Structures are given as C-alpha cells and as structure tokens.
PDB file of all heavy atoms in Angstrom:
ATOM      1  N   GLY A   1      24.003  -3.364  -8.821  1.00  0.00           N
ATOM      2  CA  GLY A   1      23.357  -4.453  -8.100  1.00  0.00           C
ATOM      3  C   GLY A   1      22.243  -3.887  -7.203  1.00  0.00           C
ATOM      4  O   GLY A   1      21.166  -4.461  -7.148  1.00  0.00           O
ATOM      5  N   VAL A   2      22.507  -2.803  -6.536  1.00  0.00           N
ATOM      6  CA  VAL A   2      21.454  -2.154  -5.689  1.00  0.00           C
ATOM      7  C   VAL A   2      20.302  -1.670  -6.525  1.00  0.00           C
ATOM      8  O   VAL A   2      19.161  -1.891  -6.227  1.00  0.00           O
ATOM      9  CB  VAL A   2      22.063  -1.025  -4.861  1.00  0.00           C
ATOM     10  CG1 VAL A   2      20.992  -0.202  -4.162  1.00  0.00           C
ATOM     11  CG2 VAL A   2      23.061  -1.587  -3.808  1.00  0.00           C
ATOM     12  N   LEU A   3      20.637  -0.963  -7.580  1.00  0.00           N
ATOM     13  CA  LEU A   3      19.565  -0.481  -8.479  1.00  0.00           C
ATOM     14  C   LEU A   3      18.731  -1.590  -9.111  1.00  0.00           C
ATOM     15  O   LEU A   3      17.535  -1.473  -9.226  1.00  0.00           O
ATOM     16  CB  LEU A   3      20.160   0.451  -9.517  1.00  0.00           C
ATOM     17  CG  LEU A   3      20.674   1.816  -8.977  1.00  0.00           C
ATOM     18  CD1 LEU A   3      21.326   2.581 -10.126  1.00  0.00           C
ATOM     19  CD2 LEU A   3      19.592   2.596  -8.342  1.00  0.00           C
ATOM     20  N   LEU A   4      19.393  -2.667  -9.516  1.00  0.00           N
ATOM     21  CA  LEU A   4      18.651  -3.790 -10.105  1.00  0.00           C
ATOM     22  C   LEU A   4      17.792  -4.469  -9.074  1.00  0.00           C
ATOM     23  O   LEU A   4      16.743  -4.990  -9.437  1.00  0.00           O
ATOM     24  CB  LEU A   4      19.634  -4.752 -10.771  1.00  0.00           C
ATOM     25  CG  LEU A   4      20.335  -4.192 -12.033  1.00  0.00           C
ATOM     26  CD1 LEU A   4      21.357  -5.171 -12.574  1.00  0.00           C
ATOM     27  CD2 LEU A   4      19.378  -3.848 -13.112  1.00  0.00           C
ATOM     28  N   SER A   5      18.287  -4.569  -7.840  1.00  0.00           N
ATOM     29  CA  SER A   5      17.425  -5.205  -6.823  1.00  0.00           C
ATOM     30  C   SER A   5      16.244  -4.330  -6.480  1.00  0.00           C
ATOM     31  O   SER A   5      15.161  -4.859  -6.220  1.00  0.00           O
ATOM     32  CB  SER A   5      18.253  -5.489  -5.583  1.00  0.00           C
ATOM     33  OG  SER A   5      18.662  -4.288  -4.951  1.00  0.00           O
ATOM     34  N   ILE A   6      16.436  -3.016  -6.563  1.00  0.00           N
ATOM     35  CA  ILE A   6      15.270  -2.121  -6.381  1.00  0.00           C
ATOM     36  C   ILE A   6      14.249  -2.312  -7.503  1.00  0.00           C
ATOM     37  O   ILE A   6      13.027  -2.416  -7.274  1.00  0.00           O
ATOM     38  CB  ILE A   6      15.694  -0.632  -6.270  1.00  0.00           C
ATOM     39  CG1 ILE A   6      16.476  -0.434  -4.962  1.00  0.00           C
ATOM     40  CG2 ILE A   6      14.544   0.330  -6.368  1.00  0.00           C
ATOM     41  CD1 ILE A   6      17.146   0.933  -4.873  1.00  0.00           C
ATOM     42  N   ALA A   7      14.772  -2.381  -8.737  1.00  0.00           N
ATOM     43  CA  ALA A   7      13.892  -2.644  -9.841  1.00  0.00           C
ATOM     44  C   ALA A   7      13.174  -3.996  -9.718  1.00  0.00           C
ATOM     45  O   ALA A   7      12.004  -4.128 -10.167  1.00  0.00           O
ATOM     46  CB  ALA A   7      14.701  -2.605 -11.184  1.00  0.00           C
ATOM     47  N   ARG A   8      13.837  -4.948  -9.099  1.00  0.00           N
ATOM     48  CA  ARG A   8      13.183  -6.243  -8.900  1.00  0.00           C
ATOM     49  C   ARG A   8      12.028  -6.257  -7.933  1.00  0.00           C
ATOM     50  O   ARG A   8      10.999  -6.871  -8.144  1.00  0.00           O
ATOM     51  CB  ARG A   8      14.236  -7.275  -8.415  1.00  0.00           C
ATOM     52  CG  ARG A   8      13.667  -8.635  -8.134  1.00  0.00           C
ATOM     53  CD  ARG A   8      14.727  -9.514  -7.452  1.00  0.00           C
ATOM     54  NE  ARG A   8      14.132 -10.778  -7.075  1.00  0.00           N
ATOM     55  CZ  ARG A   8      13.738 -11.041  -5.882  1.00  0.00           C
ATOM     56  NH1 ARG A   8      13.794 -10.135  -4.907  1.00  0.00           N
ATOM     57  NH2 ARG A   8      13.220 -12.236  -5.569  1.00  0.00           N
ATOM     58  N   ILE A   9      12.199  -5.451  -6.848  1.00  0.00           N
ATOM     59  CA  ILE A   9      11.113  -5.521  -5.819  1.00  0.00           C
ATOM     60  C   ILE A   9       9.993  -4.505  -6.078  1.00  0.00           C
ATOM     61  O   ILE A   9       9.023  -4.520  -5.356  1.00  0.00           O
ATOM     62  CB  ILE A   9      11.724  -5.240  -4.430  1.00  0.00           C
ATOM     63  CG1 ILE A   9      12.304  -3.851  -4.325  1.00  0.00           C
ATOM     64  CG2 ILE A   9      12.708  -6.276  -4.055  1.00  0.00           C
ATOM     65  CD1 ILE A   9      12.420  -3.339  -2.901  1.00  0.00           C
ATOM     66  N   ILE A  10      10.129  -3.654  -7.073  1.00  0.00           N
ATOM     67  CA  ILE A  10       9.089  -2.645  -7.377  1.00  0.00           C
ATOM     68  C   ILE A  10       7.766  -3.293  -7.612  1.00  0.00           C
ATOM     69  O   ILE A  10       6.726  -2.831  -7.229  1.00  0.00           O
ATOM     70  CB  ILE A  10       9.503  -1.698  -8.524  1.00  0.00           C
ATOM     71  CG1 ILE A  10      10.460  -0.698  -7.928  1.00  0.00           C
ATOM     72  CG2 ILE A  10       8.347  -1.037  -9.177  1.00  0.00           C
ATOM     73  CD1 ILE A  10      10.952   0.310  -8.960  1.00  0.00           C
ATOM     74  N   GLY A  11       7.748  -4.400  -8.254  1.00  0.00           N
ATOM     75  CA  GLY A  11       6.491  -5.068  -8.685  1.00  0.00           C
ATOM     76  C   GLY A  11       5.976  -6.053  -7.655  1.00  0.00           C
ATOM     77  O   GLY A  11       4.967  -6.736  -7.931  1.00  0.00           O
ATOM     78  N   GLU A  12       6.610  -6.144  -6.531  1.00  0.00           N
ATOM     79  CA  GLU A  12       6.205  -7.127  -5.529  1.00  0.00           C
ATOM     80  C   GLU A  12       4.818  -6.781  -4.948  1.00  0.00           C
ATOM     81  O   GLU A  12       4.556  -5.645  -4.553  1.00  0.00           O
ATOM     82  CB  GLU A  12       7.171  -7.246  -4.363  1.00  0.00           C
ATOM     83  CG  GLU A  12       8.502  -7.890  -4.731  1.00  0.00           C
ATOM     84  CD  GLU A  12       8.359  -9.337  -4.981  1.00  0.00           C
ATOM     85  OE1 GLU A  12       7.442 -10.002  -4.435  1.00  0.00           O
ATOM     86  OE2 GLU A  12       9.227  -9.877  -5.685  1.00  0.00           O
ATOM     87  N   THR A  13       3.925  -7.680  -4.919  1.00  0.00           N
ATOM     88  CA  THR A  13       2.546  -7.459  -4.463  1.00  0.00           C
ATOM     89  C   THR A  13       2.303  -8.169  -3.150  1.00  0.00           C
ATOM     90  O   THR A  13       1.602  -7.596  -2.310  1.00  0.00           O
ATOM     91  CB  THR A  13       1.584  -7.988  -5.531  1.00  0.00           C
ATOM     92  OG1 THR A  13       1.869  -7.466  -6.776  1.00  0.00           O
ATOM     93  CG2 THR A  13       0.140  -7.635  -5.171  1.00  0.00           C
ATOM     94  N   ALA A  14       2.820  -9.328  -2.969  1.00  0.00           N
ATOM     95  CA  ALA A  14       2.498 -10.172  -1.780  1.00  0.00           C
ATOM     96  C   ALA A  14       2.853  -9.442  -0.511  1.00  0.00           C
ATOM     97  O   ALA A  14       2.015  -9.454   0.444  1.00  0.00           O
ATOM     98  CB  ALA A  14       3.208 -11.508  -1.855  1.00  0.00           C
ATOM     99  N   PRO A  15       4.043  -8.903  -0.328  1.00  0.00           N
ATOM    100  CA  PRO A  15       4.306  -8.245   1.008  1.00  0.00           C
ATOM    101  C   PRO A  15       3.336  -7.085   1.304  1.00  0.00           C
ATOM    102  O   PRO A  15       2.910  -6.901   2.426  1.00  0.00           O
ATOM    103  CB  PRO A  15       5.733  -7.681   0.818  1.00  0.00           C
ATOM    104  CG  PRO A  15       6.351  -8.529  -0.193  1.00  0.00           C
ATOM    105  CD  PRO A  15       5.248  -8.930  -1.141  1.00  0.00           C
ATOM    106  N   VAL A  16       2.992  -6.338   0.259  1.00  0.00           N
ATOM    107  CA  VAL A  16       2.009  -5.191   0.486  1.00  0.00           C
ATOM    108  C   VAL A  16       0.644  -5.760   0.882  1.00  0.00           C
ATOM    109  O   VAL A  16       0.001  -5.272   1.793  1.00  0.00           O
ATOM    110  CB  VAL A  16       1.914  -4.307  -0.785  1.00  0.00           C
ATOM    111  CG1 VAL A  16       0.977  -3.197  -0.540  1.00  0.00           C
ATOM    112  CG2 VAL A  16       3.251  -3.806  -1.171  1.00  0.00           C
ATOM    113  N   LEU A  17       0.203  -6.774   0.231  1.00  0.00           N
ATOM    114  CA  LEU A  17      -1.107  -7.339   0.512  1.00  0.00           C
ATOM    115  C   LEU A  17      -1.154  -7.974   1.887  1.00  0.00           C
ATOM    116  O   LEU A  17      -2.141  -7.792   2.633  1.00  0.00           O
ATOM    117  CB  LEU A  17      -1.464  -8.354  -0.602  1.00  0.00           C
ATOM    118  CG  LEU A  17      -2.939  -8.779  -0.671  1.00  0.00           C
ATOM    119  CD1 LEU A  17      -3.777  -7.548  -0.885  1.00  0.00           C
ATOM    120  CD2 LEU A  17      -3.098  -9.724  -1.863  1.00  0.00           C
ATOM    121  N   VAL A  18      -0.136  -8.725   2.222  1.00  0.00           N
ATOM    122  CA  VAL A  18      -0.120  -9.426   3.470  1.00  0.00           C
ATOM    123  C   VAL A  18       0.103  -8.497   4.698  1.00  0.00           C
ATOM    124  O   VAL A  18      -0.550  -8.635   5.727  1.00  0.00           O
ATOM    125  CB  VAL A  18       0.964 -10.543   3.501  1.00  0.00           C
ATOM    126  CG1 VAL A  18       1.199 -11.085   4.909  1.00  0.00           C
ATOM    127  CG2 VAL A  18       0.635 -11.675   2.560  1.00  0.00           C
ATOM    128  N   LEU A  19       0.944  -7.498   4.497  1.00  0.00           N
ATOM    129  CA  LEU A  19       1.351  -6.689   5.616  1.00  0.00           C
ATOM    130  C   LEU A  19       0.572  -5.381   5.852  1.00  0.00           C
ATOM    131  O   LEU A  19       0.555  -4.813   6.933  1.00  0.00           O
ATOM    132  CB  LEU A  19       2.825  -6.356   5.546  1.00  0.00           C
ATOM    133  CG  LEU A  19       3.728  -7.611   5.671  1.00  0.00           C
ATOM    134  CD1 LEU A  19       5.165  -7.244   5.335  1.00  0.00           C
ATOM    135  CD2 LEU A  19       3.624  -8.151   7.034  1.00  0.00           C
ATOM    136  N   VAL A  20      -0.133  -4.857   4.815  1.00  0.00           N
ATOM    137  CA  VAL A  20      -0.900  -3.624   5.060  1.00  0.00           C
ATOM    138  C   VAL A  20      -2.255  -3.676   4.351  1.00  0.00           C
ATOM    139  O   VAL A  20      -3.070  -2.828   4.717  1.00  0.00           O
ATOM    140  CB  VAL A  20      -0.170  -2.345   4.671  1.00  0.00           C
ATOM    141  CG1 VAL A  20       1.252  -2.429   4.774  1.00  0.00           C
ATOM    142  CG2 VAL A  20      -0.520  -1.747   3.392  1.00  0.00           C
ATOM    143  N   GLY A  21      -2.515  -4.571   3.474  1.00  0.00           N
ATOM    144  CA  GLY A  21      -3.779  -4.497   2.774  1.00  0.00           C
ATOM    145  C   GLY A  21      -3.769  -3.488   1.667  1.00  0.00           C
ATOM    146  O   GLY A  21      -2.683  -3.099   1.197  1.00  0.00           O
ATOM    147  N   TYR A  22      -4.915  -3.020   1.237  1.00  0.00           N
ATOM    148  CA  TYR A  22      -4.988  -2.056   0.118  1.00  0.00           C
ATOM    149  C   TYR A  22      -5.888  -0.942   0.426  1.00  0.00           C
ATOM    150  O   TYR A  22      -6.957  -1.142   1.004  1.00  0.00           O
ATOM    151  CB  TYR A  22      -5.458  -2.824  -1.131  1.00  0.00           C
ATOM    152  CG  TYR A  22      -5.571  -1.906  -2.330  1.00  0.00           C
ATOM    153  CD1 TYR A  22      -4.489  -1.373  -2.944  1.00  0.00           C
ATOM    154  CD2 TYR A  22      -6.874  -1.598  -2.847  1.00  0.00           C
ATOM    155  CE1 TYR A  22      -4.651  -0.533  -4.039  1.00  0.00           C
ATOM    156  CE2 TYR A  22      -7.015  -0.705  -3.935  1.00  0.00           C
ATOM    157  CZ  TYR A  22      -5.891  -0.211  -4.510  1.00  0.00           C
ATOM    158  OH  TYR A  22      -6.011   0.614  -5.612  1.00  0.00           O
ATOM    159  N   SER A  23      -5.553   0.233  -0.033  1.00  0.00           N
ATOM    160  CA  SER A  23      -6.372   1.408   0.072  1.00  0.00           C
ATOM    161  C   SER A  23      -6.395   2.094  -1.265  1.00  0.00           C
ATOM    162  O   SER A  23      -5.433   2.134  -1.966  1.00  0.00           O
ATOM    163  CB  SER A  23      -5.747   2.346   1.119  1.00  0.00           C
ATOM    164  OG  SER A  23      -6.458   3.614   1.164  1.00  0.00           O
ATOM    165  N   ARG A  24      -7.498   2.693  -1.572  1.00  0.00           N
ATOM    166  CA  ARG A  24      -7.612   3.452  -2.831  1.00  0.00           C
ATOM    167  C   ARG A  24      -6.973   4.759  -2.754  1.00  0.00           C
ATOM    168  O   ARG A  24      -6.690   5.458  -3.756  1.00  0.00           O
ATOM    169  CB  ARG A  24      -9.076   3.572  -3.236  1.00  0.00           C
ATOM    170  CG  ARG A  24      -9.652   2.247  -3.721  1.00  0.00           C
ATOM    171  CD  ARG A  24     -11.095   2.381  -4.116  1.00  0.00           C
ATOM    172  NE  ARG A  24     -11.602   2.439  -5.475  1.00  0.00           N
ATOM    173  CZ  ARG A  24     -11.107   1.826  -6.518  1.00  0.00           C
ATOM    174  NH1 ARG A  24      -9.957   1.167  -6.415  1.00  0.00           N
ATOM    175  NH2 ARG A  24     -11.662   1.938  -7.677  1.00  0.00           N
ATOM    176  N   SER A  25      -6.758   5.298  -1.551  1.00  0.00           N
ATOM    177  CA  SER A  25      -6.154   6.592  -1.365  1.00  0.00           C
ATOM    178  C   SER A  25      -4.690   6.453  -0.892  1.00  0.00           C
ATOM    179  O   SER A  25      -4.312   5.421  -0.369  1.00  0.00           O
ATOM    180  CB  SER A  25      -6.930   7.421  -0.335  1.00  0.00           C
ATOM    181  OG  SER A  25      -6.894   6.735   0.916  1.00  0.00           O
ATOM    182  N   ILE A  26      -3.919   7.483  -1.122  1.00  0.00           N
ATOM    183  CA  ILE A  26      -2.553   7.524  -0.723  1.00  0.00           C
ATOM    184  C   ILE A  26      -2.459   7.812   0.745  1.00  0.00           C
ATOM    185  O   ILE A  26      -3.059   8.805   1.202  1.00  0.00           O
ATOM    186  CB  ILE A  26      -1.760   8.507  -1.585  1.00  0.00           C
ATOM    187  CG1 ILE A  26      -1.734   8.101  -2.995  1.00  0.00           C
ATOM    188  CG2 ILE A  26      -0.336   8.656  -1.051  1.00  0.00           C
ATOM    189  CD1 ILE A  26      -1.124   9.080  -3.979  1.00  0.00           C
ATOM    190  N   ASN A  27      -1.679   7.067   1.461  1.00  0.00           N
ATOM    191  CA  ASN A  27      -1.472   7.254   2.914  1.00  0.00           C
ATOM    192  C   ASN A  27       0.000   7.579   3.075  1.00  0.00           C
ATOM    193  O   ASN A  27       0.902   6.826   2.761  1.00  0.00           O
ATOM    194  CB  ASN A  27      -1.835   5.956   3.635  1.00  0.00           C
ATOM    195  CG  ASN A  27      -1.553   6.032   5.130  1.00  0.00           C
ATOM    196  OD1 ASN A  27      -1.292   7.148   5.665  1.00  0.00           O
ATOM    197  ND2 ASN A  27      -1.731   4.976   5.813  1.00  0.00           N
ATOM    198  N   PHE A  28       0.298   8.776   3.598  1.00  0.00           N
ATOM    199  CA  PHE A  28       1.681   9.231   3.765  1.00  0.00           C
ATOM    200  C   PHE A  28       2.296   8.796   5.156  1.00  0.00           C
ATOM    201  O   PHE A  28       3.482   8.995   5.341  1.00  0.00           O
ATOM    202  CB  PHE A  28       1.754  10.743   3.634  1.00  0.00           C
ATOM    203  CG  PHE A  28       1.485  11.183   2.233  1.00  0.00           C
ATOM    204  CD1 PHE A  28       0.286  11.852   1.906  1.00  0.00           C
ATOM    205  CD2 PHE A  28       2.440  11.020   1.242  1.00  0.00           C
ATOM    206  CE1 PHE A  28       0.030  12.220   0.642  1.00  0.00           C
ATOM    207  CE2 PHE A  28       2.176  11.395  -0.043  1.00  0.00           C
ATOM    208  CZ  PHE A  28       1.000  12.015  -0.362  1.00  0.00           C
ATOM    209  N   ASP A  29       1.464   8.247   6.055  1.00  0.00           N
ATOM    210  CA  ASP A  29       1.988   7.794   7.308  1.00  0.00           C
ATOM    211  C   ASP A  29       2.373   6.345   7.209  1.00  0.00           C
ATOM    212  O   ASP A  29       1.516   5.466   7.130  1.00  0.00           O
ATOM    213  CB  ASP A  29       0.854   7.953   8.373  1.00  0.00           C
ATOM    214  CG  ASP A  29       1.351   7.633   9.748  1.00  0.00           C
ATOM    215  OD1 ASP A  29       2.570   7.398   9.943  1.00  0.00           O
ATOM    216  OD2 ASP A  29       0.533   7.586  10.707  1.00  0.00           O
ATOM    217  N   ILE A  30       3.683   6.071   7.245  1.00  0.00           N
ATOM    218  CA  ILE A  30       4.138   4.677   6.999  1.00  0.00           C
ATOM    219  C   ILE A  30       3.961   3.833   8.212  1.00  0.00           C
ATOM    220  O   ILE A  30       4.157   2.630   8.157  1.00  0.00           O
ATOM    221  CB  ILE A  30       5.612   4.653   6.559  1.00  0.00           C
ATOM    222  CG1 ILE A  30       6.533   5.203   7.636  1.00  0.00           C
ATOM    223  CG2 ILE A  30       5.776   5.334   5.276  1.00  0.00           C
ATOM    224  CD1 ILE A  30       8.006   4.912   7.392  1.00  0.00           C
ATOM    225  N   PHE A  31       3.564   4.382   9.353  1.00  0.00           N
ATOM    226  CA  PHE A  31       3.417   3.591  10.580  1.00  0.00           C
ATOM    227  C   PHE A  31       1.956   3.320  10.914  1.00  0.00           C
ATOM    228  O   PHE A  31       1.694   2.744  12.000  1.00  0.00           O
ATOM    229  CB  PHE A  31       4.147   4.261  11.744  1.00  0.00           C
ATOM    230  CG  PHE A  31       5.614   4.336  11.578  1.00  0.00           C
ATOM    231  CD1 PHE A  31       6.271   5.501  11.251  1.00  0.00           C
ATOM    232  CD2 PHE A  31       6.381   3.162  11.769  1.00  0.00           C
ATOM    233  CE1 PHE A  31       7.609   5.535  11.055  1.00  0.00           C
ATOM    234  CE2 PHE A  31       7.734   3.195  11.615  1.00  0.00           C
ATOM    235  CZ  PHE A  31       8.381   4.317  11.229  1.00  0.00           C
ATOM    236  N   ASP A  32       1.025   3.741  10.077  1.00  0.00           N
ATOM    237  CA  ASP A  32      -0.363   3.515  10.396  1.00  0.00           C
ATOM    238  C   ASP A  32      -1.222   3.473   9.149  1.00  0.00           C
ATOM    239  O   ASP A  32      -1.048   4.262   8.225  1.00  0.00           O
ATOM    240  CB  ASP A  32      -0.891   4.737  11.279  1.00  0.00           C
ATOM    241  CG  ASP A  32      -2.291   4.498  11.711  1.00  0.00           C
ATOM    242  OD1 ASP A  32      -2.672   3.340  12.046  1.00  0.00           O
ATOM    243  OD2 ASP A  32      -3.040   5.498  11.740  1.00  0.00           O
ATOM    244  N   GLY A  33      -2.073   2.487   9.111  1.00  0.00           N
ATOM    245  CA  GLY A  33      -3.081   2.374   8.024  1.00  0.00           C
ATOM    246  C   GLY A  33      -2.662   1.664   6.787  1.00  0.00           C
ATOM    247  O   GLY A  33      -1.504   1.244   6.630  1.00  0.00           O
ATOM    248  N   ASN A  34      -3.653   1.427   5.927  1.00  0.00           N
ATOM    249  CA  ASN A  34      -3.466   0.762   4.682  1.00  0.00           C
ATOM    250  C   ASN A  34      -2.701   1.678   3.669  1.00  0.00           C
ATOM    251  O   ASN A  34      -2.676   2.848   3.827  1.00  0.00           O
ATOM    252  CB  ASN A  34      -4.793   0.288   4.068  1.00  0.00           C
ATOM    253  CG  ASN A  34      -5.377  -0.746   4.910  1.00  0.00           C
ATOM    254  OD1 ASN A  34      -4.780  -1.397   5.734  1.00  0.00           O
ATOM    255  ND2 ASN A  34      -6.716  -0.920   4.748  1.00  0.00           N
ATOM    256  N   MET A  35      -2.143   1.016   2.636  1.00  0.00           N
ATOM    257  CA  MET A  35      -1.347   1.748   1.614  1.00  0.00           C
ATOM    258  C   MET A  35      -1.848   1.427   0.261  1.00  0.00           C
ATOM    259  O   MET A  35      -2.420   0.373  -0.007  1.00  0.00           O
ATOM    260  CB  MET A  35       0.090   1.333   1.709  1.00  0.00           C
ATOM    261  CG  MET A  35       0.833   1.716   2.908  1.00  0.00           C
ATOM    262  SD  MET A  35       1.282   3.418   2.874  1.00  0.00           S
ATOM    263  CE  MET A  35       1.860   3.695   4.468  1.00  0.00           C
ATOM    264  N   ALA A  36      -1.600   2.355  -0.655  1.00  0.00           N
ATOM    265  CA  ALA A  36      -1.919   2.130  -2.057  1.00  0.00           C
ATOM    266  C   ALA A  36      -0.614   1.746  -2.778  1.00  0.00           C
ATOM    267  O   ALA A  36       0.452   2.219  -2.409  1.00  0.00           O
ATOM    268  CB  ALA A  36      -2.467   3.412  -2.728  1.00  0.00           C
ATOM    269  N   SER A  37      -0.728   0.857  -3.772  1.00  0.00           N
ATOM    270  CA  SER A  37       0.507   0.504  -4.551  1.00  0.00           C
ATOM    271  C   SER A  37       0.027   0.166  -5.938  1.00  0.00           C
ATOM    272  O   SER A  37      -1.100  -0.209  -6.201  1.00  0.00           O
ATOM    273  CB  SER A  37       1.245  -0.708  -3.912  1.00  0.00           C
ATOM    274  OG  SER A  37       0.539  -1.860  -4.110  1.00  0.00           O
ATOM    275  N   LEU A  38       0.949   0.391  -6.901  1.00  0.00           N
ATOM    276  CA  LEU A  38       0.598   0.084  -8.288  1.00  0.00           C
ATOM    277  C   LEU A  38       0.226  -1.341  -8.568  1.00  0.00           C
ATOM    278  O   LEU A  38      -0.752  -1.617  -9.282  1.00  0.00           O
ATOM    279  CB  LEU A  38       1.730   0.585  -9.190  1.00  0.00           C
ATOM    280  CG  LEU A  38       1.816   2.108  -9.394  1.00  0.00           C
ATOM    281  CD1 LEU A  38       3.044   2.446 -10.174  1.00  0.00           C
ATOM    282  CD2 LEU A  38       0.630   2.661 -10.039  1.00  0.00           C
ATOM    283  N   PRO A  39       0.988  -2.326  -8.096  1.00  0.00           N
ATOM    284  CA  PRO A  39       0.596  -3.727  -8.366  1.00  0.00           C
ATOM    285  C   PRO A  39      -0.741  -4.078  -7.840  1.00  0.00           C
ATOM    286  O   PRO A  39      -1.543  -4.756  -8.492  1.00  0.00           O
ATOM    287  CB  PRO A  39       1.687  -4.566  -7.724  1.00  0.00           C
ATOM    288  CG  PRO A  39       2.873  -3.681  -7.600  1.00  0.00           C
ATOM    289  CD  PRO A  39       2.288  -2.276  -7.430  1.00  0.00           C
ATOM    290  N   LEU A  40      -1.097  -3.581  -6.670  1.00  0.00           N
ATOM    291  CA  LEU A  40      -2.427  -3.852  -6.094  1.00  0.00           C
ATOM    292  C   LEU A  40      -3.544  -3.074  -6.848  1.00  0.00           C
ATOM    293  O   LEU A  40      -4.646  -3.544  -6.981  1.00  0.00           O
ATOM    294  CB  LEU A  40      -2.485  -3.546  -4.612  1.00  0.00           C
ATOM    295  CG  LEU A  40      -1.669  -4.516  -3.755  1.00  0.00           C
ATOM    296  CD1 LEU A  40      -1.691  -4.084  -2.313  1.00  0.00           C
ATOM    297  CD2 LEU A  40      -2.254  -5.963  -3.894  1.00  0.00           C
ATOM    298  N   LEU A  41      -3.187  -1.897  -7.338  1.00  0.00           N
ATOM    299  CA  LEU A  41      -4.137  -1.149  -8.166  1.00  0.00           C
ATOM    300  C   LEU A  41      -4.468  -1.958  -9.434  1.00  0.00           C
ATOM    301  O   LEU A  41      -5.639  -2.053  -9.839  1.00  0.00           O
ATOM    302  CB  LEU A  41      -3.587   0.248  -8.541  1.00  0.00           C
ATOM    303  CG  LEU A  41      -4.469   1.039  -9.478  1.00  0.00           C
ATOM    304  CD1 LEU A  41      -5.680   1.565  -8.770  1.00  0.00           C
ATOM    305  CD2 LEU A  41      -3.693   2.123 -10.133  1.00  0.00           C
ATOM    306  N   ILE A  42      -3.450  -2.508 -10.050  1.00  0.00           N
ATOM    307  CA  ILE A  42      -3.668  -3.339 -11.232  1.00  0.00           C
ATOM    308  C   ILE A  42      -4.579  -4.515 -10.885  1.00  0.00           C
ATOM    309  O   ILE A  42      -5.530  -4.794 -11.649  1.00  0.00           O
ATOM    310  CB  ILE A  42      -2.317  -3.807 -11.830  1.00  0.00           C
ATOM    311  CG1 ILE A  42      -1.521  -2.626 -12.330  1.00  0.00           C
ATOM    312  CG2 ILE A  42      -2.525  -4.884 -12.886  1.00  0.00           C
ATOM    313  CD1 ILE A  42      -0.116  -2.965 -12.734  1.00  0.00           C
ATOM    314  N   TYR A  43      -4.332  -5.196  -9.777  1.00  0.00           N
ATOM    315  CA  TYR A  43      -5.100  -6.337  -9.393  1.00  0.00           C
ATOM    316  C   TYR A  43      -6.554  -5.983  -9.124  1.00  0.00           C
ATOM    317  O   TYR A  43      -7.451  -6.680  -9.578  1.00  0.00           O
ATOM    318  CB  TYR A  43      -4.458  -7.017  -8.162  1.00  0.00           C
ATOM    319  CG  TYR A  43      -5.267  -8.168  -7.691  1.00  0.00           C
ATOM    320  CD1 TYR A  43      -5.207  -9.371  -8.368  1.00  0.00           C
ATOM    321  CD2 TYR A  43      -5.977  -8.080  -6.529  1.00  0.00           C
ATOM    322  CE1 TYR A  43      -5.935 -10.475  -7.880  1.00  0.00           C
ATOM    323  CE2 TYR A  43      -6.720  -9.155  -6.047  1.00  0.00           C
ATOM    324  CZ  TYR A  43      -6.678 -10.330  -6.762  1.00  0.00           C
ATOM    325  OH  TYR A  43      -7.410 -11.432  -6.301  1.00  0.00           O
ATOM    326  N   THR A  44      -6.774  -4.898  -8.396  1.00  0.00           N
ATOM    327  CA  THR A  44      -8.124  -4.489  -8.043  1.00  0.00           C
ATOM    328  C   THR A  44      -8.921  -3.984  -9.216  1.00  0.00           C
ATOM    329  O   THR A  44     -10.153  -4.165  -9.354  1.00  0.00           O
ATOM    330  CB  THR A  44      -8.172  -3.512  -6.910  1.00  0.00           C
ATOM    331  OG1 THR A  44      -7.425  -2.367  -7.289  1.00  0.00           O
ATOM    332  CG2 THR A  44      -7.663  -4.120  -5.651  1.00  0.00           C
TER     333      THR A  44
END
C-alpha cells in the first residue's frame, strides 16, 4: 500500500506548480527556491 501510494503521487503536478513553481535546473535545497520535476518538464 505504501509503495502503490508513492507510485500514485509521482506524477502529481499541481502541488509542485502551486507550492514552488518550476525551474529548469535542479535545486538540492528543499527549503529554498524553485524545483524541477518530470511532470512540469513534460508540460513546459
């Protein structure tokens, strides 16, 4: 159940877009700045 729920949220785009925006570069600091994600990369 845990692994299937992780698989379910991998493609979520809305939380990433609403809460951090999008960056073309990878940001390793989870407490500052925009983030890159595969769903948003597909969209852009």
